[in-house]
Amino acid sequence: MLEIPESHTIAEQLNETIKGKKIITVATDNHPHKFALYYEDPKGYNDLLKGKVIGKSSAYGGLVEIMAEDTKIVLGDGANIRYFYHNCEIPEKNQLLIKFDDLSVLTCSTQMYAQIHVAIANEYEYEYYDVAKMKPSPLSDDFNWKYFESLMNEVRSNTSIKSFLATKQRIPGLGNGTLQDILFNAKIHPRTKIKQLDPKDKNSLFESIKKTLKEMIENKGRNTEKTLFGEFGEYSTILSSKTFNNPCPVCGDKIVKESYLGGTVYYCPSCQPLT
């Protein structure tokens, strides 16, 4: 799923790869998927995009925005975005295919569910996009201690750390995947309540958010997710589906895997004790 590390990595790769290319044709629903969530009627996407030149791509939370003159493409959640050079084999199962004037292709397929939106830029309205653009990114200077503290003060004191960080779009693009290493680095259990954190814990959490996400982006995303070219990211996750059978890299204890708040969490019971 697209979270902050992947959206930033893919946006950067798009700027290096497709910026300046002209769109010659667009196809949608080559392989229908009921959870491909289009913006209005996808049958009109070819008319909206054909002949337009790709501009800048940007990341907002877990969303990737691609500008094409007066039109924008916004992709998010389980959108698998891939680029193929001319003469490469194109996967048949995709929900969006954009062909450029050099015959290279950009595709988007759906993993579980995905936002696949194309619209005239000044007419586009989507709540999660608006929130993601409005709120400061954890990577920015505007996401400072004062702002982070204000987020914590807005929630009930018995809210768990997982709920605080990964729900309600409080920090757009920070989801259950990136949450795991952030909490491990901060030495905080995902079920810990806000009221159980002392000032040192809160500062550790703040620092871990900024440092962990920065490291993930610098390494082209997590090794559980793929880049624009279908390669896994180079950031080695500490806690994930790839590692939970391994002992804790710090203390050697057995990693716990359990379901919590609609998703799987991983934690070390010794390094991240629940008080």
C-alpha atoms as a PDB file:
ATOM      1  CA  MET A   1       0.000   0.000   0.000  1.00  0.00           C
ATOM      2  CA  LEU A   2       1.188   3.524  -0.751  1.00  0.00           C
ATOM      3  CA  GLU A   3       2.418   5.301   2.363  1.00  0.00           C
ATOM      4  CA  ILE A   4       4.734   8.293   2.723  1.00  0.00           C
ATOM      5  CA  PRO A   5       7.988   6.485   1.755  1.00  0.00           C
ATOM      6  CA  GLU A   6       6.475   4.961  -1.394  1.00  0.00           C
ATOM      7  CA  SER A   7       4.563   8.017  -2.590  1.00  0.00           C
ATOM      8  CA  HIS A   8       7.689  10.196  -2.302  1.00  0.00           C
ATOM      9  CA  THR A   9       9.900   7.594  -3.967  1.00  0.00           C
ATOM     10  CA  ILE A  10       7.511   7.055  -6.878  1.00  0.00           C
ATOM     11  CA  ALA A  11       6.882  10.792  -7.373  1.00  0.00           C
ATOM     12  CA  GLU A  12      10.631  11.367  -7.627  1.00  0.00           C
ATOM     13  CA  GLN A  13      11.008   8.498 -10.096  1.00  0.00           C
ATOM     14  CA  LEU A  14       8.119   9.829 -12.192  1.00  0.00           C
ATOM     15  CA  ASN A  15       9.798  13.231 -12.418  1.00  0.00           C
ATOM     16  CA  GLU A  16      12.966  11.543 -13.633  1.00  0.00           C
ATOM     17  CA  THR A  17      11.141   9.254 -16.083  1.00  0.00           C
ATOM     18  CA  ILE A  18       7.952  10.654 -17.627  1.00  0.00           C
ATOM     19  CA  LYS A  19       8.124  14.423 -17.159  1.00  0.00           C
ATOM     20  CA  GLY A  20       7.890  16.081 -20.581  1.00  0.00           C
ATOM     21  CA  LYS A  21       6.410  13.065 -22.356  1.00  0.00           C
ATOM     22  CA  LYS A  22       3.231  13.497 -24.424  1.00  0.00           C
ATOM     23  CA  ILE A  23       0.268  11.192 -23.866  1.00  0.00           C
ATOM     24  CA  ILE A  24      -1.019   9.539 -27.043  1.00  0.00           C
ATOM     25  CA  THR A  25      -3.684   7.241 -25.595  1.00  0.00           C
ATOM     26  CA  VAL A  26      -5.317   6.203 -22.328  1.00  0.00           C
ATOM     27  CA  ALA A  27      -7.164   2.970 -21.569  1.00  0.00           C
ATOM     28  CA  THR A  28      -9.087   2.112 -18.408  1.00  0.00           C
ATOM     29  CA  ASP A  29     -10.561  -1.041 -16.938  1.00  0.00           C
ATOM     30  CA  ASN A  30      -8.556  -3.427 -19.131  1.00  0.00           C
ATOM     31  CA  HIS A  31      -9.191  -5.895 -16.332  1.00  0.00           C
ATOM     32  CA  PRO A  32     -12.243  -4.762 -14.336  1.00  0.00           C
ATOM     33  CA  HIS A  33     -11.783  -4.609 -10.554  1.00  0.00           C
ATOM     34  CA  LYS A  34     -14.684  -3.662  -8.284  1.00  0.00           C
ATOM     35  CA  PHE A  35     -12.353  -1.869  -5.876  1.00  0.00           C
ATOM     36  CA  ALA A  36     -10.696   0.292  -8.506  1.00  0.00           C
ATOM     37  CA  LEU A  37     -12.194   3.546  -7.280  1.00  0.00           C
ATOM     38  CA  TYR A  38     -12.327   5.922 -10.237  1.00  0.00           C
ATOM     39  CA  TYR A  39     -13.129   9.623 -10.134  1.00  0.00           C
ATOM     40  CA  GLU A  40     -16.317  10.100 -12.133  1.00  0.00           C
ATOM     41  CA  ASP A  41     -16.508   8.149 -15.433  1.00  0.00           C
ATOM     42  CA  PRO A  42     -13.192   6.496 -16.430  1.00  0.00           C
ATOM     43  CA  LYS A  43     -14.427   6.231 -20.020  1.00  0.00           C
ATOM     44  CA  GLY A  44     -13.690   9.951 -20.300  1.00  0.00           C
ATOM     45  CA  TYR A  45     -10.056   9.720 -19.177  1.00  0.00           C
ATOM     46  CA  ASN A  46      -8.716   9.356 -22.721  1.00  0.00           C
ATOM     47  CA  ASP A  47     -10.416  12.586 -23.810  1.00  0.00           C
ATOM     48  CA  LEU A  48      -9.104  14.377 -20.717  1.00  0.00           C
ATOM     49  CA  LEU A  49      -5.485  13.284 -21.169  1.00  0.00           C
ATOM     50  CA  LYS A  50      -4.817  12.565 -24.851  1.00  0.00           C
ATOM     51  CA  GLY A  51      -2.276  14.965 -26.366  1.00  0.00           C
ATOM     52  CA  LYS A  52      -1.249  16.511 -23.059  1.00  0.00           C
ATOM     53  CA  VAL A  53       2.307  16.748 -21.773  1.00  0.00           C
ATOM     54  CA  ILE A  54       3.264  15.389 -18.372  1.00  0.00           C
ATOM     55  CA  GLY A  55       4.424  17.999 -15.884  1.00  0.00           C
ATOM     56  CA  LYS A  56       5.545  17.688 -12.284  1.00  0.00           C
ATOM     57  CA  SER A  57       4.688  14.757 -10.033  1.00  0.00           C
ATOM     58  CA  SER A  58       4.261  15.311  -6.291  1.00  0.00           C
ATOM     59  CA  ALA A  59       3.554  13.291  -3.169  1.00  0.00           C
ATOM     60  CA  TYR A  60       0.923  14.331  -0.652  1.00  0.00           C
ATOM     61  CA  GLY A  61       0.668  11.898   2.226  1.00  0.00           C
ATOM     62  CA  GLY A  62       0.093   8.508   0.614  1.00  0.00           C
ATOM     63  CA  LEU A  63      -1.118  10.001  -2.672  1.00  0.00           C
ATOM     64  CA  VAL A  64       0.831  10.545  -5.899  1.00  0.00           C
ATOM     65  CA  GLU A  65      -0.218  13.484  -8.067  1.00  0.00           C
ATOM     66  CA  ILE A  66       0.844  13.702 -11.726  1.00  0.00           C
ATOM     67  CA  MET A  67       0.132  16.953 -13.556  1.00  0.00           C
ATOM     68  CA  ALA A  68      -0.676  16.908 -17.277  1.00  0.00           C
ATOM     69  CA  GLU A  69      -1.203  20.541 -18.233  1.00  0.00           C
ATOM     70  CA  ASP A  70      -4.673  21.502 -16.921  1.00  0.00           C
ATOM     71  CA  THR A  71      -5.440  17.947 -15.797  1.00  0.00           C
ATOM     72  CA  LYS A  72      -4.224  15.927 -12.844  1.00  0.00           C
ATOM     73  CA  ILE A  73      -3.888  12.238 -12.149  1.00  0.00           C
ATOM     74  CA  VAL A  74      -4.131  11.251  -8.477  1.00  0.00           C
ATOM     75  CA  LEU A  75      -3.295   7.701  -7.393  1.00  0.00           C
ATOM     76  CA  GLY A  76      -3.463   6.297  -3.893  1.00  0.00           C
ATOM     77  CA  ASP A  77      -3.955   3.464  -1.384  1.00  0.00           C
ATOM     78  CA  GLY A  78      -3.372   0.144  -3.186  1.00  0.00           C
ATOM     79  CA  ALA A  79      -2.471   1.702  -6.531  1.00  0.00           C
ATOM     80  CA  ASN A  80       0.452  -0.233  -8.023  1.00  0.00           C
ATOM     81  CA  ILE A  81       2.108   2.306 -10.324  1.00  0.00           C
ATOM     82  CA  ARG A  82       4.560   0.882 -12.851  1.00  0.00           C
ATOM     83  CA  TYR A  83       6.558   2.242 -15.785  1.00  0.00           C
ATOM     84  CA  PHE A  84       7.554   0.169 -18.827  1.00  0.00           C
ATOM     85  CA  TYR A  85       9.992   1.151 -21.559  1.00  0.00           C
ATOM     86  CA  HIS A  86       9.130   0.523 -25.227  1.00  0.00           C
ATOM     87  CA  ASN A  87       9.092  -3.185 -26.137  1.00  0.00           C
ATOM     88  CA  CYS A  88       8.720  -4.307 -22.505  1.00  0.00           C
ATOM     89  CA  GLU A  89       5.955  -6.789 -21.766  1.00  0.00           C
ATOM     90  CA  ILE A  90       2.949  -5.026 -20.241  1.00  0.00           C
ATOM     91  CA  PRO A  91       0.883  -6.896 -17.613  1.00  0.00           C
ATOM     92  CA  GLU A  92      -2.631  -7.528 -18.879  1.00  0.00           C
ATOM     93  CA  LYS A  93      -4.277  -6.963 -15.501  1.00  0.00           C
ATOM     94  CA  ASN A  94      -4.356  -3.195 -15.073  1.00  0.00           C
ATOM     95  CA  GLN A  95      -7.018  -0.591 -14.432  1.00  0.00           C
ATOM     96  CA  LEU A  96      -5.225   2.365 -16.060  1.00  0.00           C
ATOM     97  CA  LEU A  97      -2.793   2.392 -18.978  1.00  0.00           C
ATOM     98  CA  ILE A  98      -1.184   5.566 -20.329  1.00  0.00           C
ATOM     99  CA  LYS A  99       0.909   5.339 -23.502  1.00  0.00           C
ATOM    100  CA  PHE A 100       3.413   8.085 -24.345  1.00  0.00           C
ATOM    101  CA  ASP A 101       4.802   9.381 -27.625  1.00  0.00           C
ATOM    102  CA  ASP A 102       8.007   7.340 -27.205  1.00  0.00           C
ATOM    103  CA  LEU A 103       5.791   4.219 -26.836  1.00  0.00           C
ATOM    104  CA  SER A 104       6.689   3.760 -23.176  1.00  0.00           C
ATOM    105  CA  VAL A 105       3.788   3.016 -20.860  1.00  0.00           C
ATOM    106  CA  LEU A 106       2.609   3.882 -17.356  1.00  0.00           C
ATOM    107  CA  THR A 107       0.142   1.471 -15.763  1.00  0.00           C
ATOM    108  CA  CYS A 108      -1.810   1.309 -12.541  1.00  0.00           C
ATOM    109  CA  SER A 109      -3.293  -1.863 -11.107  1.00  0.00           C
ATOM    110  CA  THR A 110      -5.303  -2.372  -7.949  1.00  0.00           C
ATOM    111  CA  GLN A 111      -4.124  -4.141  -4.811  1.00  0.00           C
ATOM    112  CA  MET A 112      -7.157  -4.659  -2.560  1.00  0.00           C
ATOM    113  CA  TYR A 113      -8.540  -1.200  -3.389  1.00  0.00           C
ATOM    114  CA  ALA A 114      -7.103   1.886  -5.054  1.00  0.00           C
ATOM    115  CA  GLN A 115      -7.929   5.486  -5.889  1.00  0.00           C
ATOM    116  CA  ILE A 116      -7.451   6.069  -9.635  1.00  0.00           C
ATOM    117  CA  HIS A 117      -8.511   9.632 -10.322  1.00  0.00           C
ATOM    118  CA  VAL A 118      -8.261  11.809 -13.424  1.00  0.00           C
ATOM    119  CA  ALA A 119      -9.868  15.254 -13.458  1.00  0.00           C
ATOM    120  CA  ILE A 120      -9.510  18.850 -14.602  1.00  0.00           C
ATOM    121  CA  ALA A 121      -7.245  20.348 -11.955  1.00  0.00           C
ATOM    122  CA  ASN A 122      -9.451  23.235 -10.824  1.00  0.00           C
ATOM    123  CA  GLU A 123     -12.531  20.985 -10.690  1.00  0.00           C
ATOM    124  CA  TYR A 124     -11.029  18.151  -8.648  1.00  0.00           C
ATOM    125  CA  GLU A 125     -12.519  17.587  -5.201  1.00  0.00           C
ATOM    126  CA  TYR A 126     -11.486  14.724  -2.947  1.00  0.00           C
ATOM    127  CA  GLU A 127     -11.483  14.986   0.836  1.00  0.00           C
ATOM    128  CA  TYR A 128      -8.365  12.915   1.539  1.00  0.00           C
ATOM    129  CA  TYR A 129      -6.398  14.789  -1.113  1.00  0.00           C
ATOM    130  CA  ASP A 130      -7.427  18.147   0.332  1.00  0.00           C
ATOM    131  CA  VAL A 131      -6.431  17.073   3.846  1.00  0.00           C
ATOM    132  CA  ALA A 132      -3.105  15.653   2.659  1.00  0.00           C
ATOM    133  CA  LYS A 133      -2.243  18.922   0.887  1.00  0.00           C
ATOM    134  CA  MET A 134      -3.346  21.053   3.803  1.00  0.00           C
ATOM    135  CA  LYS A 135      -1.530  19.276   6.638  1.00  0.00           C
ATOM    136  CA  PRO A 136       2.262  19.579   7.019  1.00  0.00           C
ATOM    137  CA  SER A 137       4.309  16.564   6.000  1.00  0.00           C
ATOM    138  CA  PRO A 138       6.324  14.907   8.797  1.00  0.00           C
ATOM    139  CA  LEU A 139       9.327  15.553   6.564  1.00  0.00           C
ATOM    140  CA  SER A 140       8.843  19.322   6.668  1.00  0.00           C
ATOM    141  CA  ASP A 141       9.979  21.930   9.193  1.00  0.00           C
ATOM    142  CA  ASP A 142       6.319  22.839   9.753  1.00  0.00           C
ATOM    143  CA  PHE A 143       5.843  19.438  11.351  1.00  0.00           C
ATOM    144  CA  ASN A 144       7.578  20.561  14.528  1.00  0.00           C
ATOM    145  CA  TRP A 145       7.210  19.695  18.183  1.00  0.00           C
ATOM    146  CA  LYS A 146       4.550  22.352  18.758  1.00  0.00           C
ATOM    147  CA  TYR A 147       2.440  20.999  15.899  1.00  0.00           C
ATOM    148  CA  PHE A 148       2.905  17.387  17.008  1.00  0.00           C
ATOM    149  CA  GLU A 149       1.921  18.267  20.556  1.00  0.00           C
ATOM    150  CA  SER A 150      -1.225  19.956  19.272  1.00  0.00           C
ATOM    151  CA  LEU A 151      -2.187  16.725  17.463  1.00  0.00           C
ATOM    152  CA  MET A 152      -1.812  14.763  20.671  1.00  0.00           C
ATOM    153  CA  ASN A 153      -3.874  17.280  22.605  1.00  0.00           C
ATOM    154  CA  GLU A 154      -6.747  16.916  20.129  1.00  0.00           C
ATOM    155  CA  VAL A 155      -7.413  13.247  20.971  1.00  0.00           C
ATOM    156  CA  ARG A 156      -8.775  11.559  24.058  1.00  0.00           C
ATOM    157  CA  SER A 157      -6.149  10.507  26.575  1.00  0.00           C
ATOM    158  CA  ASN A 158      -7.206   6.846  26.353  1.00  0.00           C
ATOM    159  CA  THR A 159      -6.536   6.756  22.579  1.00  0.00           C
ATOM    160  CA  SER A 160      -3.917   4.166  21.676  1.00  0.00           C
ATOM    161  CA  ILE A 161      -0.723   5.165  19.905  1.00  0.00           C
ATOM    162  CA  LYS A 162      -1.634   3.105  16.833  1.00  0.00           C
ATOM    163  CA  SER A 163      -5.025   4.792  16.613  1.00  0.00           C
ATOM    164  CA  PHE A 164      -3.456   8.215  17.101  1.00  0.00           C
ATOM    165  CA  LEU A 165      -0.808   7.795  14.410  1.00  0.00           C
ATOM    166  CA  ALA A 166      -2.539   5.740  11.745  1.00  0.00           C
ATOM    167  CA  THR A 167      -6.222   6.745  11.697  1.00  0.00           C
ATOM    168  CA  LYS A 168      -8.386   9.808  10.999  1.00  0.00           C
ATOM    169  CA  GLN A 169      -5.811  11.280   8.585  1.00  0.00           C
ATOM    170  CA  ARG A 170      -4.035  12.964  11.518  1.00  0.00           C
ATOM    171  CA  ILE A 171      -0.757  12.357   9.710  1.00  0.00           C
ATOM    172  CA  PRO A 172      -1.692  11.645   6.069  1.00  0.00           C
ATOM    173  CA  GLY A 173       0.314   8.817   4.561  1.00  0.00           C
ATOM    174  CA  LEU A 174       1.516   7.393   7.871  1.00  0.00           C
ATOM    175  CA  GLY A 175      -0.217   4.020   7.944  1.00  0.00           C
ATOM    176  CA  ASN A 176      -0.016   0.638   9.587  1.00  0.00           C
ATOM    177  CA  GLY A 177       3.057  -0.344   7.557  1.00  0.00           C
ATOM    178  CA  THR A 178       5.384   2.515   8.473  1.00  0.00           C
ATOM    179  CA  LEU A 179       3.932   2.569  11.991  1.00  0.00           C
ATOM    180  CA  GLN A 180       5.755  -0.636  12.987  1.00  0.00           C
ATOM    181  CA  ASP A 181       9.340   0.627  12.760  1.00  0.00           C
ATOM    182  CA  ILE A 182       8.419   4.071  14.069  1.00  0.00           C
ATOM    183  CA  LEU A 183       7.113   2.521  17.287  1.00  0.00           C
ATOM    184  CA  PHE A 184       9.997   0.053  17.539  1.00  0.00           C
ATOM    185  CA  ASN A 185      12.543   2.856  17.263  1.00  0.00           C
ATOM    186  CA  ALA A 186      10.631   4.876  19.865  1.00  0.00           C
ATOM    187  CA  LYS A 187      10.355   1.778  22.142  1.00  0.00           C
ATOM    188  CA  ILE A 188       6.577   2.182  22.431  1.00  0.00           C
ATOM    189  CA  HIS A 189       3.981  -0.605  22.331  1.00  0.00           C
ATOM    190  CA  PRO A 190       1.208  -0.051  19.731  1.00  0.00           C
ATOM    191  CA  ARG A 191      -1.518  -0.484  22.401  1.00  0.00           C
ATOM    192  CA  THR A 192      -0.033   2.150  24.701  1.00  0.00           C
ATOM    193  CA  LYS A 193      -2.473   4.939  25.567  1.00  0.00           C
ATOM    194  CA  ILE A 194      -1.621   8.594  25.095  1.00  0.00           C
ATOM    195  CA  LYS A 195      -2.083   9.167  28.845  1.00  0.00           C
ATOM    196  CA  GLN A 196       0.620   6.574  29.588  1.00  0.00           C
ATOM    197  CA  LEU A 197       3.326   8.528  27.752  1.00  0.00           C
ATOM    198  CA  ASP A 198       5.663  10.694  29.769  1.00  0.00           C
ATOM    199  CA  PRO A 199       7.425  13.703  28.163  1.00  0.00           C
ATOM    200  CA  LYS A 200      10.440  11.576  27.244  1.00  0.00           C
ATOM    201  CA  ASP A 201       8.223   9.023  25.458  1.00  0.00           C
ATOM    202  CA  LYS A 202       6.456  11.755  23.517  1.00  0.00           C
ATOM    203  CA  ASN A 203       9.735  13.264  22.398  1.00  0.00           C
ATOM    204  CA  SER A 204      11.070   9.831  21.387  1.00  0.00           C
ATOM    205  CA  LEU A 205       7.941   9.260  19.314  1.00  0.00           C
ATOM    206  CA  PHE A 206       8.225  12.645  17.612  1.00  0.00           C
ATOM    207  CA  GLU A 207      11.890  12.106  16.772  1.00  0.00           C
ATOM    208  CA  SER A 208      11.240   8.564  15.548  1.00  0.00           C
ATOM    209  CA  ILE A 209       8.497   9.710  13.155  1.00  0.00           C
ATOM    210  CA  LYS A 210      10.789  12.193  11.461  1.00  0.00           C
ATOM    211  CA  LYS A 211      13.952  10.070  11.507  1.00  0.00           C
ATOM    212  CA  THR A 212      12.364   6.751  10.462  1.00  0.00           C
ATOM    213  CA  LEU A 213      10.354   8.205   7.576  1.00  0.00           C
ATOM    214  CA  LYS A 214      13.407  10.137   6.354  1.00  0.00           C
ATOM    215  CA  GLU A 215      15.479   6.947   6.354  1.00  0.00           C
ATOM    216  CA  MET A 216      12.765   5.046   4.492  1.00  0.00           C
ATOM    217  CA  ILE A 217      12.596   7.692   1.757  1.00  0.00           C
ATOM    218  CA  GLU A 218      16.370   7.967   1.444  1.00  0.00           C
ATOM    219  CA  ASN A 219      16.401   4.218   0.762  1.00  0.00           C
ATOM    220  CA  LYS A 220      13.682   4.345  -1.947  1.00  0.00           C
ATOM    221  CA  GLY A 221      10.923   2.971   0.235  1.00  0.00           C
ATOM    222  CA  ARG A 222      10.408  -0.170   2.288  1.00  0.00           C
ATOM    223  CA  ASN A 223      11.523  -3.616   1.166  1.00  0.00           C
ATOM    224  CA  THR A 224       7.913  -4.787   1.528  1.00  0.00           C
ATOM    225  CA  GLU A 225       6.688  -2.414  -1.211  1.00  0.00           C
ATOM    226  CA  LYS A 226       7.717  -1.842  -4.819  1.00  0.00           C
ATOM    227  CA  THR A 227       8.984   1.185  -6.709  1.00  0.00           C
ATOM    228  CA  LEU A 228       7.882   2.558 -10.090  1.00  0.00           C
ATOM    229  CA  PHE A 229      10.025  -0.101 -11.794  1.00  0.00           C
ATOM    230  CA  GLY A 230       8.638  -3.057  -9.837  1.00  0.00           C
ATOM    231  CA  GLU A 231      11.657  -3.390  -7.570  1.00  0.00           C
ATOM    232  CA  PHE A 232      11.402  -3.640  -3.798  1.00  0.00           C
ATOM    233  CA  GLY A 233      12.542  -0.599  -1.830  1.00  0.00           C
ATOM    234  CA  GLU A 234      15.963  -0.712  -0.192  1.00  0.00           C
ATOM    235  CA  TYR A 235      14.913   0.156   3.358  1.00  0.00           C
ATOM    236  CA  SER A 236      15.131  -3.059   5.385  1.00  0.00           C
ATOM    237  CA  THR A 237      12.098  -3.147   7.644  1.00  0.00           C
ATOM    238  CA  ILE A 238      12.745  -4.062  11.271  1.00  0.00           C
ATOM    239  CA  LEU A 239       9.195  -5.266  11.940  1.00  0.00           C
ATOM    240  CA  SER A 240       7.107  -6.566   9.040  1.00  0.00           C
ATOM    241  CA  SER A 241       5.735  -9.714   7.439  1.00  0.00           C
ATOM    242  CA  LYS A 242       9.272 -10.359   6.184  1.00  0.00           C
ATOM    243  CA  THR A 243      10.948 -10.257   9.579  1.00  0.00           C
ATOM    244  CA  PHE A 244       8.567 -11.211  12.387  1.00  0.00           C
ATOM    245  CA  ASN A 245       9.844 -14.801  12.507  1.00  0.00           C
ATOM    246  CA  ASN A 246      13.297 -13.468  13.298  1.00  0.00           C
ATOM    247  CA  PRO A 247      14.335 -12.601  16.864  1.00  0.00           C
ATOM    248  CA  CYS A 248      14.384  -8.955  17.919  1.00  0.00           C
ATOM    249  CA  PRO A 249      17.555  -7.398  16.441  1.00  0.00           C
ATOM    250  CA  VAL A 250      18.180  -5.530  19.704  1.00  0.00           C
ATOM    251  CA  CYS A 251      17.457  -7.985  22.533  1.00  0.00           C
ATOM    252  CA  GLY A 252      16.867 -11.320  20.809  1.00  0.00           C
ATOM    253  CA  ASP A 253      13.347 -11.791  22.203  1.00  0.00           C
ATOM    254  CA  LYS A 254      10.594 -13.342  20.068  1.00  0.00           C
ATOM    255  CA  ILE A 255       8.619 -10.797  18.002  1.00  0.00           C
ATOM    256  CA  VAL A 256       4.863 -10.835  18.612  1.00  0.00           C
ATOM    257  CA  LYS A 257       2.392 -10.680  15.714  1.00  0.00           C
ATOM    258  CA  GLU A 258      -1.260  -9.930  16.450  1.00  0.00           C
ATOM    259  CA  SER A 259      -4.354  -8.262  15.026  1.00  0.00           C
ATOM    260  CA  TYR A 260      -5.252  -4.850  16.391  1.00  0.00           C
ATOM    261  CA  LEU A 261      -7.575  -2.112  15.118  1.00  0.00           C
ATOM    262  CA  GLY A 262      -8.223  -3.725  11.774  1.00  0.00           C
ATOM    263  CA  GLY A 263      -4.633  -4.573  10.919  1.00  0.00           C
ATOM    264  CA  THR A 264      -1.593  -6.569  11.983  1.00  0.00           C
ATOM    265  CA  VAL A 265       0.892  -5.164  14.475  1.00  0.00           C
ATOM    266  CA  TYR A 266       4.358  -6.450  15.307  1.00  0.00           C
ATOM    267  CA  TYR A 267       6.314  -5.602  18.432  1.00  0.00           C
ATOM    268  CA  CYS A 268       9.036  -6.790  20.758  1.00  0.00           C
ATOM    269  CA  PRO A 269       7.558  -7.377  24.240  1.00  0.00           C
ATOM    270  CA  SER A 270      10.909  -6.595  25.867  1.00  0.00           C
ATOM    271  CA  CYS A 271      11.900  -3.476  23.895  1.00  0.00           C
ATOM    272  CA  GLN A 272       8.293  -2.215  23.660  1.00  0.00           C
ATOM    273  CA  PRO A 273       6.700  -3.192  26.981  1.00  0.00           C
ATOM    274  CA  LEU A 274       3.015  -2.410  27.552  1.00  0.00           C
ATOM    275  CA  THR A 275       2.849  -0.576  30.870  1.00  0.00           C
END
